[in-house]
Amino acid sequence: MIEARHLRVLRAVARTGSFSAAARELGCTQPAISQQMKALEKSVDTPLVVRSGRGMQLSEAGRVLLKHATGILAGLSAAEEEIAAIAGLRAGRVRLVSFPTASSTLVPPAVARLRDSHPGVCVSLVEAEPPESLAMLRGGECEIALAFRYPQSDGAAALPAPAHGTPREARAEANLEAQQLSAGSDWSDLVVTPLLDDPLVGLLPATHRLAGRGRPVELAELAGEQWIAGCPQCRGHLVELCAAAGFEPRIDFATDDYPAVVGLVAAGLGVAVLPRLALESVRPDGVSTVPVRTASGAPAVRQVVALTLPDLAEVPAVALMLERLAGAAGR
């Protein structure tokens, strides 16, 4: 008989590649992991892992079982949450996965309000960017994932010919990266709670020719600038927006650290586009912030949402957390 605890061990071994690493992840001993894997292999009467060098890989049977284990564990997690909620939210848990700017702006007030009204509900937080956070949600590792996507990404214009000094390989790599990230924005199997449209803001050095003129900046006006880009998904979107405006950005710096972006812009090393939420937790000293318009003349925005699975959406603690997040977004 296959037990849920054995499936969790199998998932940890597959993710970490060894019994010892799986033991560290699950907070137990390596012999305990070995014993549980032996029990699982005995119950299915076939090997599930094979040694490969210093690590381990799943056998064909192991891969099949892991594929089904993901859905089984997600269903068990939903069942556990519903049972805990029977007591009227005196117990239960909500595991959040959030991208960094939402972690510092939307999550704190939402969790504080939930804790004030229902102190028995335990809320935890792990940071991950989409599409990784969506994979965690579908894999049963959290109940709610805060994510974002760019509406302009659909049907984006093709990239123009490479600018002088820009390798074709670099442009092709950026385009492929954007396509892969766009594939992670399929939310058709999830319950989507819209939170807000987060405007993108241009960051210019304080002495820049376009700083402080009191009107939005068209992306085409920045065609000859050096650029500082953010996370992979944001970087791919920047390339798409600039392509629609008729140019390819020269990206000299790429960093997920927003204070670093501000510092690089303030030092006059380039221009950048950041979500407004990012600036709420960063002091934009030495830079000028300006609204940004796309090639169509519309403001550039990203959609920020909270995602969960249909079964989990019925769990009272999860539904309450979604309500609190929506309230925090509305301020």
C-alpha atoms as a PDB file:
ATOM      1  CA  MET A   1       0.000   0.000   0.000  1.00  0.00           C
ATOM      2  CA  ILE A   2       1.404   3.382  -1.010  1.00  0.00           C
ATOM      3  CA  GLU A   3       1.483   5.935   1.826  1.00  0.00           C
ATOM      4  CA  ALA A   4       1.488   9.695   1.439  1.00  0.00           C
ATOM      5  CA  ARG A   5       4.642  10.068   3.561  1.00  0.00           C
ATOM      6  CA  HIS A   6       6.451   7.769   1.133  1.00  0.00           C
ATOM      7  CA  LEU A   7       5.334   9.912  -1.804  1.00  0.00           C
ATOM      8  CA  ARG A   8       6.693  13.027  -0.091  1.00  0.00           C
ATOM      9  CA  VAL A   9      10.016  11.252   0.345  1.00  0.00           C
ATOM     10  CA  LEU A  10      10.030  10.240  -3.333  1.00  0.00           C
ATOM     11  CA  ARG A  11       9.368  13.849  -4.359  1.00  0.00           C
ATOM     12  CA  ALA A  12      12.205  15.098  -2.136  1.00  0.00           C
ATOM     13  CA  VAL A  13      14.650  12.512  -3.491  1.00  0.00           C
ATOM     14  CA  ALA A  14      13.719  13.418  -7.076  1.00  0.00           C
ATOM     15  CA  ARG A  15      14.156  17.115  -6.347  1.00  0.00           C
ATOM     16  CA  THR A  16      17.449  16.889  -4.449  1.00  0.00           C
ATOM     17  CA  GLY A  17      19.116  13.929  -6.155  1.00  0.00           C
ATOM     18  CA  SER A  18      20.221  12.038  -3.031  1.00  0.00           C
ATOM     19  CA  PHE A  19      18.928  10.457   0.187  1.00  0.00           C
ATOM     20  CA  SER A  20      21.089  12.714   2.375  1.00  0.00           C
ATOM     21  CA  ALA A  21      19.891  15.914   0.677  1.00  0.00           C
ATOM     22  CA  ALA A  22      16.279  14.722   0.880  1.00  0.00           C
ATOM     23  CA  ALA A  23      16.781  14.046   4.595  1.00  0.00           C
ATOM     24  CA  ARG A  24      17.997  17.601   5.135  1.00  0.00           C
ATOM     25  CA  GLU A  25      15.030  19.007   3.224  1.00  0.00           C
ATOM     26  CA  LEU A  26      12.500  16.949   5.202  1.00  0.00           C
ATOM     27  CA  GLY A  27      14.225  17.361   8.561  1.00  0.00           C
ATOM     28  CA  CYS A  28      14.960  13.699   9.250  1.00  0.00           C
ATOM     29  CA  THR A  29      17.884  11.265   9.037  1.00  0.00           C
ATOM     30  CA  GLN A  30      19.370   9.659   5.949  1.00  0.00           C
ATOM     31  CA  PRO A  31      18.645   6.096   7.233  1.00  0.00           C
ATOM     32  CA  ALA A  32      14.988   7.072   7.691  1.00  0.00           C
ATOM     33  CA  ILE A  33      14.803   8.232   4.078  1.00  0.00           C
ATOM     34  CA  SER A  34      16.459   5.001   2.911  1.00  0.00           C
ATOM     35  CA  GLN A  35      14.016   2.867   4.907  1.00  0.00           C
ATOM     36  CA  GLN A  36      10.975   4.718   3.570  1.00  0.00           C
ATOM     37  CA  MET A  37      12.206   4.403  -0.016  1.00  0.00           C
ATOM     38  CA  LYS A  38      12.746   0.658   0.499  1.00  0.00           C
ATOM     39  CA  ALA A  39       9.213   0.371   1.886  1.00  0.00           C
ATOM     40  CA  LEU A  40       7.823   2.241  -1.114  1.00  0.00           C
ATOM     41  CA  GLU A  41       9.737   0.070  -3.584  1.00  0.00           C
ATOM     42  CA  LYS A  42       8.502  -3.031  -1.765  1.00  0.00           C
ATOM     43  CA  SER A  43       4.897  -1.843  -1.992  1.00  0.00           C
ATOM     44  CA  VAL A  44       5.138  -1.342  -5.787  1.00  0.00           C
ATOM     45  CA  ASP A  45       7.465  -4.316  -6.281  1.00  0.00           C
ATOM     46  CA  THR A  46       9.929  -2.510  -8.562  1.00  0.00           C
ATOM     47  CA  PRO A  47      12.972  -0.208  -8.183  1.00  0.00           C
ATOM     48  CA  LEU A  48      12.136   3.489  -8.163  1.00  0.00           C
ATOM     49  CA  VAL A  49      15.638   5.022  -8.026  1.00  0.00           C
ATOM     50  CA  VAL A  50      18.933   4.214  -9.689  1.00  0.00           C
ATOM     51  CA  ARG A  51      22.363   5.428  -8.668  1.00  0.00           C
ATOM     52  CA  SER A  52      24.097   7.750 -11.141  1.00  0.00           C
ATOM     53  CA  GLY A  53      27.629   8.768 -10.190  1.00  0.00           C
ATOM     54  CA  ARG A  54      27.400  10.414  -6.785  1.00  0.00           C
ATOM     55  CA  GLY A  55      23.698  11.100  -7.071  1.00  0.00           C
ATOM     56  CA  MET A  56      20.450   9.326  -7.821  1.00  0.00           C
ATOM     57  CA  GLN A  57      17.890   9.419 -10.587  1.00  0.00           C
ATOM     58  CA  LEU A  58      14.366   8.076 -10.792  1.00  0.00           C
ATOM     59  CA  SER A  59      13.792   4.919 -12.757  1.00  0.00           C
ATOM     60  CA  GLU A  60      11.073   4.836 -15.395  1.00  0.00           C
ATOM     61  CA  ALA A  61       8.659   3.495 -12.767  1.00  0.00           C
ATOM     62  CA  GLY A  62       9.796   6.214 -10.365  1.00  0.00           C
ATOM     63  CA  ARG A  63       9.039   8.935 -12.899  1.00  0.00           C
ATOM     64  CA  VAL A  64       5.564   7.543 -13.486  1.00  0.00           C
ATOM     65  CA  LEU A  65       4.841   7.403  -9.766  1.00  0.00           C
ATOM     66  CA  LEU A  66       6.190  10.924  -9.222  1.00  0.00           C
ATOM     67  CA  LYS A  67       3.883  12.263 -11.952  1.00  0.00           C
ATOM     68  CA  HIS A  68       0.846  10.894 -10.098  1.00  0.00           C
ATOM     69  CA  ALA A  69       2.247  11.778  -6.663  1.00  0.00           C
ATOM     70  CA  THR A  70       2.148  15.500  -7.486  1.00  0.00           C
ATOM     71  CA  GLY A  71      -1.644  15.495  -7.920  1.00  0.00           C
ATOM     72  CA  ILE A  72      -2.189  13.123  -4.997  1.00  0.00           C
ATOM     73  CA  LEU A  73      -0.226  15.300  -2.566  1.00  0.00           C
ATOM     74  CA  ALA A  74      -1.968  18.443  -3.774  1.00  0.00           C
ATOM     75  CA  GLY A  75      -5.338  16.765  -3.181  1.00  0.00           C
ATOM     76  CA  LEU A  76      -4.272  15.597   0.275  1.00  0.00           C
ATOM     77  CA  SER A  77      -3.146  19.115   1.137  1.00  0.00           C
ATOM     78  CA  ALA A  78      -6.566  20.463   0.154  1.00  0.00           C
ATOM     79  CA  ALA A  79      -8.270  17.774   2.274  1.00  0.00           C
ATOM     80  CA  GLU A  80      -6.129  18.601   5.319  1.00  0.00           C
ATOM     81  CA  GLU A  81      -6.939  22.287   5.011  1.00  0.00           C
ATOM     82  CA  GLU A  82     -10.674  21.694   4.737  1.00  0.00           C
ATOM     83  CA  ILE A  83     -10.691  19.431   7.786  1.00  0.00           C
ATOM     84  CA  ALA A  84      -8.738  21.973   9.834  1.00  0.00           C
ATOM     85  CA  ALA A  85     -11.198  24.683   8.790  1.00  0.00           C
ATOM     86  CA  ILE A  86     -14.219  22.798  10.165  1.00  0.00           C
ATOM     87  CA  ALA A  87     -13.445  24.262  13.575  1.00  0.00           C
ATOM     88  CA  GLY A  88     -14.345  27.712  12.233  1.00  0.00           C
ATOM     89  CA  LEU A  89     -10.876  28.949  11.343  1.00  0.00           C
ATOM     90  CA  ARG A  90      -9.554  28.306  14.829  1.00  0.00           C
ATOM     91  CA  ALA A  91      -6.826  26.295  13.103  1.00  0.00           C
ATOM     92  CA  GLY A  92      -5.362  25.853   9.675  1.00  0.00           C
ATOM     93  CA  ARG A  93      -2.533  27.133   7.569  1.00  0.00           C
ATOM     94  CA  VAL A  94      -1.954  29.122   4.422  1.00  0.00           C
ATOM     95  CA  ARG A  95       1.373  28.818   2.624  1.00  0.00           C
ATOM     96  CA  LEU A  96       2.087  31.824   0.425  1.00  0.00           C
ATOM     97  CA  VAL A  97       4.584  32.029  -2.416  1.00  0.00           C
ATOM     98  CA  SER A  98       5.200  35.570  -3.591  1.00  0.00           C
ATOM     99  CA  PHE A  99       7.517  37.562  -5.848  1.00  0.00           C
ATOM    100  CA  PRO A 100       9.699  40.024  -3.904  1.00  0.00           C
ATOM    101  CA  THR A 101       7.908  43.322  -4.559  1.00  0.00           C
ATOM    102  CA  ALA A 102       4.570  41.853  -3.418  1.00  0.00           C
ATOM    103  CA  SER A 103       6.298  40.298  -0.387  1.00  0.00           C
ATOM    104  CA  SER A 104       7.344  43.746   0.830  1.00  0.00           C
ATOM    105  CA  THR A 105       4.173  45.672  -0.051  1.00  0.00           C
ATOM    106  CA  LEU A 106       1.009  43.531  -0.276  1.00  0.00           C
ATOM    107  CA  VAL A 107       1.764  40.554   1.948  1.00  0.00           C
ATOM    108  CA  PRO A 108       2.608  42.315   5.271  1.00  0.00           C
ATOM    109  CA  PRO A 109      -0.684  44.246   5.709  1.00  0.00           C
ATOM    110  CA  ALA A 110      -2.740  41.302   4.425  1.00  0.00           C
ATOM    111  CA  VAL A 111      -1.176  38.825   6.862  1.00  0.00           C
ATOM    112  CA  ALA A 112      -1.388  41.303   9.731  1.00  0.00           C
ATOM    113  CA  ARG A 113      -5.138  41.789   9.167  1.00  0.00           C
ATOM    114  CA  LEU A 114      -5.733  38.051   8.938  1.00  0.00           C
ATOM    115  CA  ARG A 115      -3.754  37.403  12.120  1.00  0.00           C
ATOM    116  CA  ASP A 116      -5.690  40.098  13.975  1.00  0.00           C
ATOM    117  CA  SER A 117      -9.031  38.478  13.136  1.00  0.00           C
ATOM    118  CA  HIS A 118      -7.978  34.796  13.165  1.00  0.00           C
ATOM    119  CA  PRO A 119      -4.805  34.313  15.219  1.00  0.00           C
ATOM    120  CA  GLY A 120      -5.104  30.520  15.003  1.00  0.00           C
ATOM    121  CA  VAL A 121      -4.445  30.492  11.258  1.00  0.00           C
ATOM    122  CA  CYS A 122      -0.758  29.985  10.529  1.00  0.00           C
ATOM    123  CA  VAL A 123       0.593  31.843   7.495  1.00  0.00           C
ATOM    124  CA  SER A 124       4.026  31.180   6.012  1.00  0.00           C
ATOM    125  CA  LEU A 125       5.844  32.871   3.126  1.00  0.00           C
ATOM    126  CA  VAL A 126       8.413  31.746   0.570  1.00  0.00           C
ATOM    127  CA  GLU A 127       9.661  33.945  -2.262  1.00  0.00           C
ATOM    128  CA  ALA A 128       9.700  32.781  -5.882  1.00  0.00           C
ATOM    129  CA  GLU A 129       9.116  34.445  -9.224  1.00  0.00           C
ATOM    130  CA  PRO A 130       6.655  33.109 -11.778  1.00  0.00           C
ATOM    131  CA  PRO A 131       6.711  30.617 -13.445  1.00  0.00           C
ATOM    132  CA  GLU A 132       8.495  28.816 -10.565  1.00  0.00           C
ATOM    133  CA  SER A 133       5.800  29.915  -8.107  1.00  0.00           C
ATOM    134  CA  LEU A 134       3.074  28.447 -10.351  1.00  0.00           C
ATOM    135  CA  ALA A 135       4.895  25.123 -10.442  1.00  0.00           C
ATOM    136  CA  MET A 136       5.018  25.163  -6.641  1.00  0.00           C
ATOM    137  CA  LEU A 137       1.271  25.831  -6.472  1.00  0.00           C
ATOM    138  CA  ARG A 138       0.411  23.028  -8.877  1.00  0.00           C
ATOM    139  CA  GLY A 139       2.811  20.716  -7.048  1.00  0.00           C
ATOM    140  CA  GLY A 140       1.052  21.154  -3.700  1.00  0.00           C
ATOM    141  CA  GLU A 141       3.854  23.175  -2.086  1.00  0.00           C
ATOM    142  CA  CYS A 142       1.673  26.206  -1.344  1.00  0.00           C
ATOM    143  CA  GLU A 143      -1.971  27.273  -1.244  1.00  0.00           C
ATOM    144  CA  ILE A 144      -1.629  30.739  -2.821  1.00  0.00           C
ATOM    145  CA  ALA A 145       0.863  32.094  -5.330  1.00  0.00           C
ATOM    146  CA  LEU A 146       1.193  35.812  -5.965  1.00  0.00           C
ATOM    147  CA  ALA A 147       2.209  36.322  -9.562  1.00  0.00           C
ATOM    148  CA  PHE A 148       2.250  38.852 -12.356  1.00  0.00           C
ATOM    149  CA  ARG A 149       2.149  38.967 -16.108  1.00  0.00           C
ATOM    150  CA  TYR A 150       2.300  41.606 -18.787  1.00  0.00           C
ATOM    151  CA  PRO A 151      -0.838  41.982 -20.933  1.00  0.00           C
ATOM    152  CA  GLN A 152       1.159  43.475 -23.796  1.00  0.00           C
ATOM    153  CA  SER A 153       3.135  40.224 -24.128  1.00  0.00           C
ATOM    154  CA  ASP A 154       0.375  38.610 -26.197  1.00  0.00           C
ATOM    155  CA  GLY A 155       0.996  39.218 -29.875  1.00  0.00           C
ATOM    156  CA  ALA A 156       4.128  41.258 -29.271  1.00  0.00           C
ATOM    157  CA  ALA A 157       5.896  42.575 -32.310  1.00  0.00           C
ATOM    158  CA  ALA A 158       8.809  40.685 -33.791  1.00  0.00           C
ATOM    159  CA  LEU A 159      12.257  41.917 -32.832  1.00  0.00           C
ATOM    160  CA  PRO A 160      13.881  44.294 -35.326  1.00  0.00           C
ATOM    161  CA  ALA A 161      17.257  43.756 -36.935  1.00  0.00           C
ATOM    162  CA  PRO A 162      20.124  43.759 -34.425  1.00  0.00           C
ATOM    163  CA  ALA A 163      21.584  47.137 -33.531  1.00  0.00           C
ATOM    164  CA  HIS A 164      25.241  47.855 -34.253  1.00  0.00           C
ATOM    165  CA  GLY A 165      27.461  45.831 -31.921  1.00  0.00           C
ATOM    166  CA  THR A 166      24.609  43.641 -30.622  1.00  0.00           C
ATOM    167  CA  PRO A 167      25.238  39.915 -31.293  1.00  0.00           C
ATOM    168  CA  ARG A 168      22.391  38.058 -32.941  1.00  0.00           C
ATOM    169  CA  GLU A 169      22.932  35.216 -30.482  1.00  0.00           C
ATOM    170  CA  ALA A 170      22.212  37.497 -27.519  1.00  0.00           C
ATOM    171  CA  ARG A 171      19.005  38.750 -29.105  1.00  0.00           C
ATOM    172  CA  ALA A 172      17.871  35.207 -29.951  1.00  0.00           C
ATOM    173  CA  GLU A 173      18.592  34.084 -26.391  1.00  0.00           C
ATOM    174  CA  ALA A 174      16.530  36.957 -24.939  1.00  0.00           C
ATOM    175  CA  ASN A 175      13.664  36.162 -27.321  1.00  0.00           C
ATOM    176  CA  LEU A 176      13.722  32.453 -26.400  1.00  0.00           C
ATOM    177  CA  GLU A 177      13.791  33.328 -22.710  1.00  0.00           C
ATOM    178  CA  ALA A 178      10.749  35.564 -23.132  1.00  0.00           C
ATOM    179  CA  GLN A 179       8.857  32.802 -24.962  1.00  0.00           C
ATOM    180  CA  GLN A 180       9.621  30.280 -22.227  1.00  0.00           C
ATOM    181  CA  LEU A 181       8.456  32.640 -19.506  1.00  0.00           C
ATOM    182  CA  SER A 182       5.330  33.525 -21.479  1.00  0.00           C
ATOM    183  CA  ALA A 183       4.456  29.819 -21.564  1.00  0.00           C
ATOM    184  CA  GLY A 184       4.294  29.948 -17.765  1.00  0.00           C
ATOM    185  CA  SER A 185       1.502  32.554 -17.855  1.00  0.00           C
ATOM    186  CA  ASP A 186      -1.237  30.028 -18.679  1.00  0.00           C
ATOM    187  CA  TRP A 187      -3.598  30.281 -15.709  1.00  0.00           C
ATOM    188  CA  SER A 188      -6.592  28.484 -17.258  1.00  0.00           C
ATOM    189  CA  ASP A 189      -6.517  25.710 -14.624  1.00  0.00           C
ATOM    190  CA  LEU A 190      -6.306  28.131 -11.688  1.00  0.00           C
ATOM    191  CA  VAL A 191      -8.613  30.447  -9.765  1.00  0.00           C
ATOM    192  CA  VAL A 192      -7.442  34.006 -10.451  1.00  0.00           C
ATOM    193  CA  THR A 193      -8.037  36.842  -7.984  1.00  0.00           C
ATOM    194  CA  PRO A 194      -7.044  40.151  -9.637  1.00  0.00           C
ATOM    195  CA  LEU A 195      -5.251  42.443  -7.183  1.00  0.00           C
ATOM    196  CA  LEU A 196      -4.067  45.487  -9.117  1.00  0.00           C
ATOM    197  CA  ASP A 197      -2.601  46.871 -12.321  1.00  0.00           C
ATOM    198  CA  ASP A 198       0.935  47.905 -11.407  1.00  0.00           C
ATOM    199  CA  PRO A 199       2.158  50.771 -13.641  1.00  0.00           C
ATOM    200  CA  LEU A 200       5.693  50.640 -14.962  1.00  0.00           C
ATOM    201  CA  VAL A 201       7.743  53.721 -14.150  1.00  0.00           C
ATOM    202  CA  GLY A 202      10.771  55.004 -16.021  1.00  0.00           C
ATOM    203  CA  LEU A 203      13.926  55.704 -14.010  1.00  0.00           C
ATOM    204  CA  LEU A 204      16.290  58.332 -15.394  1.00  0.00           C
ATOM    205  CA  PRO A 205      19.431  59.899 -13.955  1.00  0.00           C
ATOM    206  CA  ALA A 206      18.518  63.172 -12.274  1.00  0.00           C
ATOM    207  CA  THR A 207      20.474  65.117 -14.925  1.00  0.00           C
ATOM    208  CA  HIS A 208      18.960  63.268 -17.884  1.00  0.00           C
ATOM    209  CA  ARG A 209      17.627  65.399 -20.759  1.00  0.00           C
ATOM    210  CA  LEU A 210      14.090  63.972 -20.277  1.00  0.00           C
ATOM    211  CA  ALA A 211      14.004  64.245 -16.478  1.00  0.00           C
ATOM    212  CA  GLY A 212      11.551  66.593 -14.833  1.00  0.00           C
ATOM    213  CA  ARG A 213       9.728  67.774 -17.925  1.00  0.00           C
ATOM    214  CA  GLY A 214       6.303  66.960 -16.484  1.00  0.00           C
ATOM    215  CA  ARG A 215       4.902  64.582 -19.086  1.00  0.00           C
ATOM    216  CA  PRO A 216       5.148  60.848 -19.873  1.00  0.00           C
ATOM    217  CA  VAL A 217       8.142  59.529 -21.774  1.00  0.00           C
ATOM    218  CA  GLU A 218       7.622  57.538 -24.958  1.00  0.00           C
ATOM    219  CA  LEU A 219       9.802  54.435 -25.101  1.00  0.00           C
ATOM    220  CA  ALA A 220      11.014  55.470 -28.566  1.00  0.00           C
ATOM    221  CA  GLU A 221      12.582  58.560 -26.970  1.00  0.00           C
ATOM    222  CA  LEU A 222      14.948  56.242 -25.083  1.00  0.00           C
ATOM    223  CA  ALA A 223      16.068  54.246 -28.118  1.00  0.00           C
ATOM    224  CA  GLY A 224      19.704  55.311 -27.900  1.00  0.00           C
ATOM    225  CA  GLU A 225      20.109  54.790 -24.166  1.00  0.00           C
ATOM    226  CA  GLN A 226      22.002  52.157 -22.219  1.00  0.00           C
ATOM    227  CA  TRP A 227      19.558  50.013 -20.217  1.00  0.00           C
ATOM    228  CA  ILE A 228      19.456  48.337 -16.820  1.00  0.00           C
ATOM    229  CA  ALA A 229      17.048  45.388 -16.765  1.00  0.00           C
ATOM    230  CA  GLY A 230      15.416  43.419 -13.966  1.00  0.00           C
ATOM    231  CA  CYS A 231      14.253  39.821 -13.537  1.00  0.00           C
ATOM    232  CA  PRO A 232      14.135  37.472 -16.579  1.00  0.00           C
ATOM    233  CA  GLN A 233      10.405  37.958 -17.133  1.00  0.00           C
ATOM    234  CA  CYS A 234      10.725  41.751 -16.811  1.00  0.00           C
ATOM    235  CA  ARG A 235      13.747  41.712 -19.098  1.00  0.00           C
ATOM    236  CA  GLY A 236      11.877  39.746 -21.753  1.00  0.00           C
ATOM    237  CA  HIS A 237       8.963  42.161 -21.541  1.00  0.00           C
ATOM    238  CA  LEU A 238      11.278  45.149 -21.888  1.00  0.00           C
ATOM    239  CA  VAL A 239      12.685  43.667 -25.106  1.00  0.00           C
ATOM    240  CA  GLU A 240       9.130  43.183 -26.444  1.00  0.00           C
ATOM    241  CA  LEU A 241       8.022  46.736 -25.598  1.00  0.00           C
ATOM    242  CA  CYS A 242      11.115  48.252 -27.172  1.00  0.00           C
ATOM    243  CA  ALA A 243      10.676  46.084 -30.269  1.00  0.00           C
ATOM    244  CA  ALA A 244       7.133  47.408 -30.656  1.00  0.00           C
ATOM    245  CA  ALA A 245       8.585  50.924 -30.364  1.00  0.00           C
ATOM    246  CA  GLY A 246      10.991  50.172 -33.197  1.00  0.00           C
ATOM    247  CA  PHE A 247      14.302  49.534 -31.470  1.00  0.00           C
ATOM    248  CA  GLU A 248      16.286  46.950 -29.554  1.00  0.00           C
ATOM    249  CA  PRO A 249      17.494  48.008 -26.102  1.00  0.00           C
ATOM    250  CA  ARG A 250      21.185  47.851 -25.309  1.00  0.00           C
ATOM    251  CA  ILE A 251      21.088  46.067 -21.931  1.00  0.00           C
ATOM    252  CA  ASP A 252      24.399  46.637 -20.169  1.00  0.00           C
ATOM    253  CA  PHE A 253      23.309  45.549 -16.682  1.00  0.00           C
ATOM    254  CA  ALA A 254      20.787  42.951 -15.499  1.00  0.00           C
ATOM    255  CA  THR A 255      19.934  42.452 -11.833  1.00  0.00           C
ATOM    256  CA  ASP A 256      16.978  41.256  -9.760  1.00  0.00           C
ATOM    257  CA  ASP A 257      18.010  43.641  -6.969  1.00  0.00           C
ATOM    258  CA  TYR A 258      15.938  46.821  -7.241  1.00  0.00           C
ATOM    259  CA  PRO A 259      18.177  48.970  -4.987  1.00  0.00           C
ATOM    260  CA  ALA A 260      21.026  48.030  -7.343  1.00  0.00           C
ATOM    261  CA  VAL A 261      18.942  49.191 -10.318  1.00  0.00           C
ATOM    262  CA  VAL A 262      18.313  52.537  -8.614  1.00  0.00           C
ATOM    263  CA  GLY A 263      21.990  52.882  -7.746  1.00  0.00           C
ATOM    264  CA  LEU A 264      23.114  52.167 -11.301  1.00  0.00           C
ATOM    265  CA  VAL A 265      20.643  54.694 -12.723  1.00  0.00           C
ATOM    266  CA  ALA A 266      21.614  57.311 -10.133  1.00  0.00           C
ATOM    267  CA  ALA A 267      25.264  56.854 -11.149  1.00  0.00           C
ATOM    268  CA  GLY A 268      24.346  57.721 -14.736  1.00  0.00           C
ATOM    269  CA  LEU A 269      25.061  54.243 -16.093  1.00  0.00           C
ATOM    270  CA  GLY A 270      21.749  53.830 -17.868  1.00  0.00           C
ATOM    271  CA  VAL A 271      17.967  54.067 -17.711  1.00  0.00           C
ATOM    272  CA  ALA A 272      15.466  51.510 -16.443  1.00  0.00           C
ATOM    273  CA  VAL A 273      11.784  50.677 -16.189  1.00  0.00           C
ATOM    274  CA  LEU A 274      10.511  49.345 -12.852  1.00  0.00           C
ATOM    275  CA  PRO A 275       7.052  48.474 -11.470  1.00  0.00           C
ATOM    276  CA  ARG A 276       5.704  51.115  -9.121  1.00  0.00           C
ATOM    277  CA  LEU A 277       5.386  48.509  -6.362  1.00  0.00           C
ATOM    278  CA  ALA A 278       9.163  48.064  -6.471  1.00  0.00           C
ATOM    279  CA  LEU A 279       9.678  51.742  -5.742  1.00  0.00           C
ATOM    280  CA  GLU A 280       7.465  51.575  -2.649  1.00  0.00           C
ATOM    281  CA  SER A 281      10.167  49.609  -0.836  1.00  0.00           C
ATOM    282  CA  VAL A 282      13.197  51.364  -2.385  1.00  0.00           C
ATOM    283  CA  ARG A 283      14.333  54.953  -1.892  1.00  0.00           C
ATOM    284  CA  PRO A 284      14.790  56.337  -5.414  1.00  0.00           C
ATOM    285  CA  ASP A 285      17.524  58.799  -4.384  1.00  0.00           C
ATOM    286  CA  GLY A 286      19.365  60.442  -7.246  1.00  0.00           C
ATOM    287  CA  VAL A 287      16.930  59.397  -9.961  1.00  0.00           C
ATOM    288  CA  SER A 288      13.975  60.963 -11.706  1.00  0.00           C
ATOM    289  CA  THR A 289      10.796  58.868 -12.061  1.00  0.00           C
ATOM    290  CA  VAL A 290       8.567  59.414 -15.089  1.00  0.00           C
ATOM    291  CA  PRO A 291       5.441  57.713 -16.476  1.00  0.00           C
ATOM    292  CA  VAL A 292       6.148  55.481 -19.473  1.00  0.00           C
ATOM    293  CA  ARG A 293       4.028  55.145 -22.608  1.00  0.00           C
ATOM    294  CA  THR A 294       4.186  52.198 -24.988  1.00  0.00           C
ATOM    295  CA  ALA A 295       4.256  52.411 -28.780  1.00  0.00           C
ATOM    296  CA  SER A 296       0.440  52.343 -28.785  1.00  0.00           C
ATOM    297  CA  GLY A 297       0.308  55.326 -26.453  1.00  0.00           C
ATOM    298  CA  ALA A 298      -1.097  53.292 -23.567  1.00  0.00           C
ATOM    299  CA  PRO A 299       0.530  53.216 -20.125  1.00  0.00           C
ATOM    300  CA  ALA A 300       2.817  50.242 -19.518  1.00  0.00           C
ATOM    301  CA  VAL A 301       1.454  48.054 -16.713  1.00  0.00           C
ATOM    302  CA  ARG A 302       1.714  44.553 -15.309  1.00  0.00           C
ATOM    303  CA  GLN A 303      -1.195  42.589 -13.851  1.00  0.00           C
ATOM    304  CA  VAL A 304      -0.676  41.429 -10.255  1.00  0.00           C
ATOM    305  CA  VAL A 305      -2.878  38.544  -9.136  1.00  0.00           C
ATOM    306  CA  ALA A 306      -3.284  35.891  -6.467  1.00  0.00           C
ATOM    307  CA  LEU A 307      -3.616  32.334  -7.792  1.00  0.00           C
ATOM    308  CA  THR A 308      -4.871  29.144  -6.212  1.00  0.00           C
ATOM    309  CA  LEU A 309      -6.257  25.771  -7.242  1.00  0.00           C
ATOM    310  CA  PRO A 310     -10.046  25.340  -7.603  1.00  0.00           C
ATOM    311  CA  ASP A 311     -10.242  22.885  -4.679  1.00  0.00           C
ATOM    312  CA  LEU A 312      -8.156  25.122  -2.438  1.00  0.00           C
ATOM    313  CA  ALA A 313     -10.297  28.168  -3.235  1.00  0.00           C
ATOM    314  CA  GLU A 314     -13.121  26.530  -1.237  1.00  0.00           C
ATOM    315  CA  VAL A 315     -10.970  26.242   1.905  1.00  0.00           C
ATOM    316  CA  PRO A 316     -12.067  29.001   4.326  1.00  0.00           C
ATOM    317  CA  ALA A 317      -8.556  29.998   5.403  1.00  0.00           C
ATOM    318  CA  VAL A 318      -7.435  30.307   1.781  1.00  0.00           C
ATOM    319  CA  ALA A 319     -10.548  32.267   0.807  1.00  0.00           C
ATOM    320  CA  LEU A 320      -9.984  34.627   3.746  1.00  0.00           C
ATOM    321  CA  MET A 321      -6.336  35.153   2.804  1.00  0.00           C
ATOM    322  CA  LEU A 322      -7.379  35.985  -0.771  1.00  0.00           C
ATOM    323  CA  GLU A 323      -9.857  38.511   0.626  1.00  0.00           C
ATOM    324  CA  ARG A 324      -7.169  40.099   2.787  1.00  0.00           C
ATOM    325  CA  LEU A 325      -4.758  40.310  -0.155  1.00  0.00           C
ATOM    326  CA  ALA A 326      -7.407  42.018  -2.276  1.00  0.00           C
ATOM    327  CA  GLY A 327      -7.997  44.464   0.569  1.00  0.00           C
ATOM    328  CA  ALA A 328      -4.280  45.222   0.867  1.00  0.00           C
ATOM    329  CA  ALA A 329      -4.072  45.851  -2.878  1.00  0.00           C
ATOM    330  CA  GLY A 330      -6.960  48.312  -2.651  1.00  0.00           C
ATOM    331  CA  ARG A 331      -5.256  49.995   0.339  1.00  0.00           C
END
